[in-house]
Amino acid sequence: MTTKAPAKVVAGELTSLESIAYQSVAGIPVADPRDRDRLGYCVWHALTNKREGLDVAIGASRIRFTIGFDDAVGRIRGELKARGVAEA
């Protein structure tokens, strides 16, 4: 066991693509709060890789939404468009 304090977390720029991806999923209702972190990662991955569409990446992540899948994808697309990001 270590007695050292954990490393400090340094917040990234709010205009970075990663921050925008995580901000775009902040209001999406999910069954488990950890699902939202995974959803943010999947959105970021879809935006950076551009090999698959946003809906395919979100569907493959197996997120447990408390709203409909199409509604969640629509909300995320709207948030990305409002932040000026072209969708995957």
PDB file of N, CA and C in Angstrom:
ATOM      1  N   MET A   1       0.825  -1.166   0.000  1.00  0.00           N
ATOM      2  CA  MET A   1       0.000   0.000   0.000  1.00  0.00           C
ATOM      3  C   MET A   1       0.879   1.241   0.000  1.00  0.00           C
ATOM      4  N   THR A   2       0.428   2.231  -0.694  1.00  0.00           N
ATOM      5  CA  THR A   2       1.209   3.456  -0.783  1.00  0.00           C
ATOM      6  C   THR A   2       0.643   4.532   0.140  1.00  0.00           C
ATOM      7  N   THR A   3       1.495   5.426   0.536  1.00  0.00           N
ATOM      8  CA  THR A   3       1.046   6.524   1.394  1.00  0.00           C
ATOM      9  C   THR A   3       1.070   7.848   0.655  1.00  0.00           C
ATOM     10  N   LYS A   4       1.413   7.809  -0.624  1.00  0.00           N
ATOM     11  CA  LYS A   4       1.443   9.033  -1.422  1.00  0.00           C
ATOM     12  C   LYS A   4       0.033   9.477  -1.774  1.00  0.00           C
ATOM     13  N   ALA A   5      -0.122  10.778  -1.890  1.00  0.00           N
ATOM     14  CA  ALA A   5      -1.408  11.335  -2.318  1.00  0.00           C
ATOM     15  C   ALA A   5      -1.607  11.048  -3.804  1.00  0.00           C
ATOM     16  N   PRO A   6      -2.854  10.919  -4.241  1.00  0.00           N
ATOM     17  CA  PRO A   6      -3.086  10.675  -5.664  1.00  0.00           C
ATOM     18  C   PRO A   6      -2.678  11.889  -6.495  1.00  0.00           C
ATOM     19  N   ALA A   7      -2.402  11.642  -7.760  1.00  0.00           N
ATOM     20  CA  ALA A   7      -2.029  12.728  -8.658  1.00  0.00           C
ATOM     21  C   ALA A   7      -3.206  13.684  -8.826  1.00  0.00           C
ATOM     22  N   LYS A   8      -2.879  14.961  -8.999  1.00  0.00           N
ATOM     23  CA  LYS A   8      -3.927  15.957  -9.196  1.00  0.00           C
ATOM     24  C   LYS A   8      -4.449  15.867 -10.623  1.00  0.00           C
ATOM     25  N   VAL A   9      -5.735  16.102 -10.756  1.00  0.00           N
ATOM     26  CA  VAL A   9      -6.372  16.076 -12.063  1.00  0.00           C
ATOM     27  C   VAL A   9      -6.340  17.491 -12.619  1.00  0.00           C
ATOM     28  N   VAL A  10      -5.812  17.618 -13.815  1.00  0.00           N
ATOM     29  CA  VAL A  10      -5.754  18.908 -14.484  1.00  0.00           C
ATOM     30  C   VAL A  10      -6.820  18.914 -15.564  1.00  0.00           C
ATOM     31  N   ALA A  11      -7.749  19.842 -15.454  1.00  0.00           N
ATOM     32  CA  ALA A  11      -8.830  19.922 -16.435  1.00  0.00           C
ATOM     33  C   ALA A  11      -8.286  20.394 -17.777  1.00  0.00           C
ATOM     34  N   GLY A  12      -8.777  19.809 -18.836  1.00  0.00           N
ATOM     35  CA  GLY A  12      -8.363  20.207 -20.173  1.00  0.00           C
ATOM     36  C   GLY A  12      -9.083  21.466 -20.617  1.00  0.00           C
ATOM     37  N   GLU A  13      -8.744  21.924 -21.787  1.00  0.00           N
ATOM     38  CA  GLU A  13      -9.398  23.100 -22.338  1.00  0.00           C
ATOM     39  C   GLU A  13     -10.852  22.784 -22.644  1.00  0.00           C
ATOM     40  N   LEU A  14     -11.731  23.725 -22.380  1.00  0.00           N
ATOM     41  CA  LEU A  14     -13.153  23.510 -22.621  1.00  0.00           C
ATOM     42  C   LEU A  14     -13.491  23.464 -24.097  1.00  0.00           C
ATOM     43  N   THR A  15     -12.582  23.935 -24.940  1.00  0.00           N
ATOM     44  CA  THR A  15     -12.836  23.932 -26.375  1.00  0.00           C
ATOM     45  C   THR A  15     -12.225  22.730 -27.080  1.00  0.00           C
ATOM     46  N   SER A  16     -11.586  21.834 -26.340  1.00  0.00           N
ATOM     47  CA  SER A  16     -11.006  20.646 -26.968  1.00  0.00           C
ATOM     48  C   SER A  16     -12.121  19.687 -27.372  1.00  0.00           C
ATOM     49  N   LEU A  17     -11.850  18.866 -28.355  1.00  0.00           N
ATOM     50  CA  LEU A  17     -12.850  17.928 -28.858  1.00  0.00           C
ATOM     51  C   LEU A  17     -13.272  16.940 -27.780  1.00  0.00           C
ATOM     52  N   GLU A  18     -12.335  16.536 -26.951  1.00  0.00           N
ATOM     53  CA  GLU A  18     -12.660  15.606 -25.874  1.00  0.00           C
ATOM     54  C   GLU A  18     -13.630  16.236 -24.870  1.00  0.00           C
ATOM     55  N   SER A  19     -13.362  17.474 -24.485  1.00  0.00           N
ATOM     56  CA  SER A  19     -14.250  18.166 -23.537  1.00  0.00           C
ATOM     57  C   SER A  19     -15.631  18.369 -24.130  1.00  0.00           C
ATOM     58  N   ILE A  20     -15.680  18.716 -25.404  1.00  0.00           N
ATOM     59  CA  ILE A  20     -16.973  18.920 -26.067  1.00  0.00           C
ATOM     60  C   ILE A  20     -17.756  17.612 -26.118  1.00  0.00           C
ATOM     61  N   ALA A  21     -17.084  16.498 -26.381  1.00  0.00           N
ATOM     62  CA  ALA A  21     -17.758  15.200 -26.432  1.00  0.00           C
ATOM     63  C   ALA A  21     -18.375  14.856 -25.076  1.00  0.00           C
ATOM     64  N   TYR A  22     -17.626  15.074 -24.006  1.00  0.00           N
ATOM     65  CA  TYR A  22     -18.150  14.759 -22.667  1.00  0.00           C
ATOM     66  C   TYR A  22     -19.240  15.739 -22.254  1.00  0.00           C
ATOM     67  N   GLN A  23     -19.131  17.001 -22.651  1.00  0.00           N
ATOM     68  CA  GLN A  23     -20.172  17.979 -22.335  1.00  0.00           C
ATOM     69  C   GLN A  23     -21.463  17.676 -23.086  1.00  0.00           C
ATOM     70  N   SER A  24     -21.352  17.113 -24.283  1.00  0.00           N
ATOM     71  CA  SER A  24     -22.538  16.836 -25.087  1.00  0.00           C
ATOM     72  C   SER A  24     -23.393  15.709 -24.508  1.00  0.00           C
ATOM     73  N   VAL A  25     -22.831  14.881 -23.645  1.00  0.00           N
ATOM     74  CA  VAL A  25     -23.595  13.773 -23.056  1.00  0.00           C
ATOM     75  C   VAL A  25     -23.954  14.032 -21.599  1.00  0.00           C
ATOM     76  N   ALA A  26     -23.628  15.203 -21.089  1.00  0.00           N
ATOM     77  CA  ALA A  26     -23.846  15.490 -19.663  1.00  0.00           C
ATOM     78  C   ALA A  26     -25.319  15.422 -19.263  1.00  0.00           C
ATOM     79  N   GLY A  27     -26.219  15.779 -20.151  1.00  0.00           N
ATOM     80  CA  GLY A  27     -27.638  15.790 -19.810  1.00  0.00           C
ATOM     81  C   GLY A  27     -28.408  14.554 -20.234  1.00  0.00           C
ATOM     82  N   ILE A  28     -27.740  13.550 -20.721  1.00  0.00           N
ATOM     83  CA  ILE A  28     -28.414  12.335 -21.190  1.00  0.00           C
ATOM     84  C   ILE A  28     -28.704  11.430 -19.988  1.00  0.00           C
ATOM     85  N   PRO A  29     -29.972  11.084 -19.768  1.00  0.00           N
ATOM     86  CA  PRO A  29     -30.299  10.215 -18.636  1.00  0.00           C
ATOM     87  C   PRO A  29     -29.900   8.760 -18.902  1.00  0.00           C
ATOM     88  N   VAL A  30     -29.071   8.230 -18.015  1.00  0.00           N
ATOM     89  CA  VAL A  30     -28.600   6.849 -18.124  1.00  0.00           C
ATOM     90  C   VAL A  30     -28.863   6.125 -16.810  1.00  0.00           C
ATOM     91  N   ALA A  31     -28.845   4.808 -16.862  1.00  0.00           N
ATOM     92  CA  ALA A  31     -29.152   4.006 -15.678  1.00  0.00           C
ATOM     93  C   ALA A  31     -28.042   4.069 -14.629  1.00  0.00           C
ATOM     94  N   ASP A  32     -26.801   4.168 -15.065  1.00  0.00           N
ATOM     95  CA  ASP A  32     -25.655   4.166 -14.157  1.00  0.00           C
ATOM     96  C   ASP A  32     -24.763   5.352 -14.516  1.00  0.00           C
ATOM     97  N   PRO A  33     -24.315   6.134 -13.549  1.00  0.00           N
ATOM     98  CA  PRO A  33     -23.469   7.298 -13.861  1.00  0.00           C
ATOM     99  C   PRO A  33     -22.192   6.943 -14.630  1.00  0.00           C
ATOM    100  N   ARG A  34     -21.677   5.742 -14.442  1.00  0.00           N
ATOM    101  CA  ARG A  34     -20.484   5.331 -15.192  1.00  0.00           C
ATOM    102  C   ARG A  34     -20.782   5.147 -16.669  1.00  0.00           C
ATOM    103  N   ASP A  35     -22.041   4.864 -16.994  1.00  0.00           N
ATOM    104  CA  ASP A  35     -22.431   4.756 -18.400  1.00  0.00           C
ATOM    105  C   ASP A  35     -22.235   6.082 -19.121  1.00  0.00           C
ATOM    106  N   ARG A  36     -22.422   7.187 -18.423  1.00  0.00           N
ATOM    107  CA  ARG A  36     -22.257   8.503 -19.039  1.00  0.00           C
ATOM    108  C   ARG A  36     -20.792   8.741 -19.405  1.00  0.00           C
ATOM    109  N   ASP A  37     -19.872   8.290 -18.565  1.00  0.00           N
ATOM    110  CA  ASP A  37     -18.452   8.411 -18.897  1.00  0.00           C
ATOM    111  C   ASP A  37     -18.112   7.572 -20.132  1.00  0.00           C
ATOM    112  N   ARG A  38     -18.648   6.372 -20.183  1.00  0.00           N
ATOM    113  CA  ARG A  38     -18.417   5.495 -21.335  1.00  0.00           C
ATOM    114  C   ARG A  38     -19.046   6.086 -22.597  1.00  0.00           C
ATOM    115  N   LEU A  39     -20.208   6.710 -22.441  1.00  0.00           N
ATOM    116  CA  LEU A  39     -20.878   7.347 -23.566  1.00  0.00           C
ATOM    117  C   LEU A  39     -20.052   8.519 -24.086  1.00  0.00           C
ATOM    118  N   GLY A  40     -19.496   9.320 -23.190  1.00  0.00           N
ATOM    119  CA  GLY A  40     -18.635  10.425 -23.607  1.00  0.00           C
ATOM    120  C   GLY A  40     -17.432   9.933 -24.381  1.00  0.00           C
ATOM    121  N   TYR A  41     -16.852   8.840 -23.914  1.00  0.00           N
ATOM    122  CA  TYR A  41     -15.705   8.264 -24.626  1.00  0.00           C
ATOM    123  C   TYR A  41     -16.120   7.781 -26.011  1.00  0.00           C
ATOM    124  N   CYS A  42     -17.270   7.142 -26.119  1.00  0.00           N
ATOM    125  CA  CYS A  42     -17.719   6.630 -27.413  1.00  0.00           C
ATOM    126  C   CYS A  42     -17.985   7.767 -28.396  1.00  0.00           C
ATOM    127  N   VAL A  43     -18.550   8.872 -27.909  1.00  0.00           N
ATOM    128  CA  VAL A  43     -18.779  10.029 -28.774  1.00  0.00           C
ATOM    129  C   VAL A  43     -17.438  10.597 -29.234  1.00  0.00           C
ATOM    130  N   TRP A  44     -16.490  10.737 -28.317  1.00  0.00           N
ATOM    131  CA  TRP A  44     -15.169  11.245 -28.681  1.00  0.00           C
ATOM    132  C   TRP A  44     -14.497  10.314 -29.691  1.00  0.00           C
ATOM    133  N   HIS A  45     -14.607   9.025 -29.472  1.00  0.00           N
ATOM    134  CA  HIS A  45     -14.003   8.041 -30.374  1.00  0.00           C
ATOM    135  C   HIS A  45     -14.623   8.137 -31.767  1.00  0.00           C
ATOM    136  N   ALA A  46     -15.941   8.292 -31.837  1.00  0.00           N
ATOM    137  CA  ALA A  46     -16.611   8.406 -33.135  1.00  0.00           C
ATOM    138  C   ALA A  46     -16.196   9.686 -33.851  1.00  0.00           C
ATOM    139  N   LEU A  47     -15.988  10.761 -33.099  1.00  0.00           N
ATOM    140  CA  LEU A  47     -15.601  12.031 -33.718  1.00  0.00           C
ATOM    141  C   LEU A  47     -14.162  12.014 -34.213  1.00  0.00           C
ATOM    142  N   THR A  48     -13.290  11.287 -33.540  1.00  0.00           N
ATOM    143  CA  THR A  48     -11.885  11.288 -33.937  1.00  0.00           C
ATOM    144  C   THR A  48     -11.568  10.231 -34.982  1.00  0.00           C
ATOM    145  N   ASN A  49     -12.243   9.094 -34.969  1.00  0.00           N
ATOM    146  CA  ASN A  49     -11.926   8.023 -35.916  1.00  0.00           C
ATOM    147  C   ASN A  49     -12.631   8.182 -37.251  1.00  0.00           C
ATOM    148  N   LYS A  50     -13.872   8.612 -37.233  1.00  0.00           N
ATOM    149  CA  LYS A  50     -14.674   8.843 -38.438  1.00  0.00           C
ATOM    150  C   LYS A  50     -14.842   7.593 -39.300  1.00  0.00           C
ATOM    151  N   ARG A  51     -14.635   6.420 -38.726  1.00  0.00           N
ATOM    152  CA  ARG A  51     -14.836   5.188 -39.486  1.00  0.00           C
ATOM    153  C   ARG A  51     -16.278   4.700 -39.396  1.00  0.00           C
ATOM    154  N   GLU A  52     -16.923   5.043 -38.318  1.00  0.00           N
ATOM    155  CA  GLU A  52     -18.301   4.604 -38.121  1.00  0.00           C
ATOM    156  C   GLU A  52     -19.133   5.815 -37.713  1.00  0.00           C
ATOM    157  N   GLY A  53     -20.404   5.728 -37.920  1.00  0.00           N
ATOM    158  CA  GLY A  53     -21.277   6.826 -37.576  1.00  0.00           C
ATOM    159  C   GLY A  53     -21.465   6.945 -36.069  1.00  0.00           C
ATOM    160  N   LEU A  54     -21.977   8.066 -35.663  1.00  0.00           N
ATOM    161  CA  LEU A  54     -22.207   8.328 -34.248  1.00  0.00           C
ATOM    162  C   LEU A  54     -23.198   7.320 -33.658  1.00  0.00           C
ATOM    163  N   ASP A  55     -24.271   7.038 -34.378  1.00  0.00           N
ATOM    164  CA  ASP A  55     -25.257   6.097 -33.858  1.00  0.00           C
ATOM    165  C   ASP A  55     -24.702   4.676 -33.753  1.00  0.00           C
ATOM    166  N   VAL A  56     -23.806   4.291 -34.659  1.00  0.00           N
ATOM    167  CA  VAL A  56     -23.189   2.962 -34.598  1.00  0.00           C
ATOM    168  C   VAL A  56     -22.275   2.859 -33.377  1.00  0.00           C
ATOM    169  N   ALA A  57     -21.481   3.905 -33.139  1.00  0.00           N
ATOM    170  CA  ALA A  57     -20.567   3.902 -31.989  1.00  0.00           C
ATOM    171  C   ALA A  57     -21.334   3.871 -30.673  1.00  0.00           C
ATOM    172  N   ILE A  58     -22.410   4.622 -30.594  1.00  0.00           N
ATOM    173  CA  ILE A  58     -23.204   4.647 -29.360  1.00  0.00           C
ATOM    174  C   ILE A  58     -23.917   3.311 -29.174  1.00  0.00           C
ATOM    175  N   GLY A  59     -24.434   2.736 -30.241  1.00  0.00           N
ATOM    176  CA  GLY A  59     -25.106   1.443 -30.154  1.00  0.00           C
ATOM    177  C   GLY A  59     -24.164   0.328 -29.727  1.00  0.00           C
ATOM    178  N   ALA A  60     -22.937   0.371 -30.202  1.00  0.00           N
ATOM    179  CA  ALA A  60     -21.957  -0.660 -29.861  1.00  0.00           C
ATOM    180  C   ALA A  60     -21.491  -0.562 -28.416  1.00  0.00           C
ATOM    181  N   SER A  61     -21.675   0.589 -27.797  1.00  0.00           N
ATOM    182  CA  SER A  61     -21.206   0.778 -26.422  1.00  0.00           C
ATOM    183  C   SER A  61     -22.132   0.129 -25.393  1.00  0.00           C
ATOM    184  N   ARG A  62     -23.338  -0.222 -25.799  1.00  0.00           N
ATOM    185  CA  ARG A  62     -24.305  -0.904 -24.921  1.00  0.00           C
ATOM    186  C   ARG A  62     -24.672  -0.074 -23.689  1.00  0.00           C
ATOM    187  N   ILE A  63     -24.835   1.222 -23.877  1.00  0.00           N
ATOM    188  CA  ILE A  63     -25.240   2.120 -22.791  1.00  0.00           C
ATOM    189  C   ILE A  63     -26.692   1.830 -22.427  1.00  0.00           C
ATOM    190  N   ARG A  64     -26.989   1.858 -21.145  1.00  0.00           N
ATOM    191  CA  ARG A  64     -28.358   1.636 -20.667  1.00  0.00           C
ATOM    192  C   ARG A  64     -29.029   2.985 -20.471  1.00  0.00           C
ATOM    193  N   PHE A  65     -29.730   3.445 -21.508  1.00  0.00           N
ATOM    194  CA  PHE A  65     -30.434   4.728 -21.454  1.00  0.00           C
ATOM    195  C   PHE A  65     -31.754   4.572 -20.716  1.00  0.00           C
ATOM    196  N   THR A  66     -32.197   5.644 -20.080  1.00  0.00           N
ATOM    197  CA  THR A  66     -33.534   5.645 -19.485  1.00  0.00           C
ATOM    198  C   THR A  66     -34.516   6.346 -20.411  1.00  0.00           C
ATOM    199  N   ILE A  67     -34.047   6.750 -21.588  1.00  0.00           N
ATOM    200  CA  ILE A  67     -34.893   7.288 -22.656  1.00  0.00           C
ATOM    201  C   ILE A  67     -34.637   6.425 -23.889  1.00  0.00           C
ATOM    202  N   GLY A  68     -35.360   6.682 -24.950  1.00  0.00           N
ATOM    203  CA  GLY A  68     -35.171   5.903 -26.167  1.00  0.00           C
ATOM    204  C   GLY A  68     -33.816   6.162 -26.815  1.00  0.00           C
ATOM    205  N   PHE A  69     -33.318   5.160 -27.514  1.00  0.00           N
ATOM    206  CA  PHE A  69     -32.012   5.258 -28.166  1.00  0.00           C
ATOM    207  C   PHE A  69     -31.998   6.394 -29.187  1.00  0.00           C
ATOM    208  N   ASP A  70     -33.018   6.455 -30.032  1.00  0.00           N
ATOM    209  CA  ASP A  70     -33.065   7.495 -31.067  1.00  0.00           C
ATOM    210  C   ASP A  70     -33.148   8.886 -30.455  1.00  0.00           C
ATOM    211  N   ASP A  71     -33.877   9.016 -29.356  1.00  0.00           N
ATOM    212  CA  ASP A  71     -33.970  10.299 -28.662  1.00  0.00           C
ATOM    213  C   ASP A  71     -32.608  10.708 -28.099  1.00  0.00           C
ATOM    214  N   ALA A  72     -31.882   9.760 -27.527  1.00  0.00           N
ATOM    215  CA  ALA A  72     -30.559  10.048 -26.964  1.00  0.00           C
ATOM    216  C   ALA A  72     -29.580  10.473 -28.054  1.00  0.00           C
ATOM    217  N   VAL A  73     -29.574   9.763 -29.172  1.00  0.00           N
ATOM    218  CA  VAL A  73     -28.674  10.109 -30.278  1.00  0.00           C
ATOM    219  C   VAL A  73     -29.043  11.477 -30.843  1.00  0.00           C
ATOM    220  N   GLY A  74     -30.323  11.768 -30.937  1.00  0.00           N
ATOM    221  CA  GLY A  74     -30.766  13.073 -31.416  1.00  0.00           C
ATOM    222  C   GLY A  74     -30.323  14.203 -30.502  1.00  0.00           C
ATOM    223  N   ARG A  75     -30.415  13.981 -29.204  1.00  0.00           N
ATOM    224  CA  ARG A  75     -29.974  15.001 -28.248  1.00  0.00           C
ATOM    225  C   ARG A  75     -28.469  15.240 -28.347  1.00  0.00           C
ATOM    226  N   ILE A  76     -27.714  14.158 -28.479  1.00  0.00           N
ATOM    227  CA  ILE A  76     -26.261  14.288 -28.582  1.00  0.00           C
ATOM    228  C   ILE A  76     -25.883  15.022 -29.861  1.00  0.00           C
ATOM    229  N   ARG A  77     -26.536  14.668 -30.966  1.00  0.00           N
ATOM    230  CA  ARG A  77     -26.267  15.373 -32.231  1.00  0.00           C
ATOM    231  C   ARG A  77     -26.596  16.856 -32.109  1.00  0.00           C
ATOM    232  N   GLY A  78     -27.692  17.179 -31.446  1.00  0.00           N
ATOM    233  CA  GLY A  78     -28.065  18.578 -31.241  1.00  0.00           C
ATOM    234  C   GLY A  78     -27.038  19.333 -30.410  1.00  0.00           C
ATOM    235  N   GLU A  79     -26.535  18.690 -29.354  1.00  0.00           N
ATOM    236  CA  GLU A  79     -25.518  19.331 -28.507  1.00  0.00           C
ATOM    237  C   GLU A  79     -24.219  19.542 -29.279  1.00  0.00           C
ATOM    238  N   LEU A  80     -23.833  18.569 -30.082  1.00  0.00           N
ATOM    239  CA  LEU A  80     -22.612  18.713 -30.870  1.00  0.00           C
ATOM    240  C   LEU A  80     -22.762  19.828 -31.898  1.00  0.00           C
ATOM    241  N   LYS A  81     -23.928  19.887 -32.527  1.00  0.00           N
ATOM    242  CA  LYS A  81     -24.162  20.941 -33.526  1.00  0.00           C
ATOM    243  C   LYS A  81     -24.163  22.312 -32.860  1.00  0.00           C
ATOM    244  N   ALA A  82     -24.733  22.410 -31.655  1.00  0.00           N
ATOM    245  CA  ALA A  82     -24.759  23.685 -30.942  1.00  0.00           C
ATOM    246  C   ALA A  82     -23.347  24.134 -30.556  1.00  0.00           C
ATOM    247  N   ARG A  83     -22.451  23.189 -30.368  1.00  0.00           N
ATOM    248  CA  ARG A  83     -21.071  23.517 -30.015  1.00  0.00           C
ATOM    249  C   ARG A  83     -20.165  23.662 -31.238  1.00  0.00           C
ATOM    250  N   GLY A  84     -20.759  23.540 -32.440  1.00  0.00           N
ATOM    251  CA  GLY A  84     -20.012  23.758 -33.666  1.00  0.00           C
ATOM    252  C   GLY A  84     -19.160  22.602 -34.127  1.00  0.00           C
ATOM    253  N   VAL A  85     -19.517  21.383 -33.724  1.00  0.00           N
ATOM    254  CA  VAL A  85     -18.734  20.210 -34.106  1.00  0.00           C
ATOM    255  C   VAL A  85     -19.511  19.452 -35.183  1.00  0.00           C
ATOM    256  N   ALA A  86     -18.829  19.181 -36.287  1.00  0.00           N
ATOM    257  CA  ALA A  86     -19.445  18.359 -37.338  1.00  0.00           C
ATOM    258  C   ALA A  86     -19.508  16.931 -36.846  1.00  0.00           C
ATOM    259  N   GLU A  87     -20.644  16.307 -36.984  1.00  0.00           N
ATOM    260  CA  GLU A  87     -20.788  14.953 -36.445  1.00  0.00           C
ATOM    261  C   GLU A  87     -20.059  13.934 -37.284  1.00  0.00           C
ATOM    262  N   ALA A  88     -19.841  12.797 -36.673  1.00  0.00           N
ATOM    263  CA  ALA A  88     -19.112  11.708 -37.339  1.00  0.00           C
ATOM    264  C   ALA A  88     -19.973  11.051 -38.382  1.00  0.00           C
TER     265      ALA A  88
END
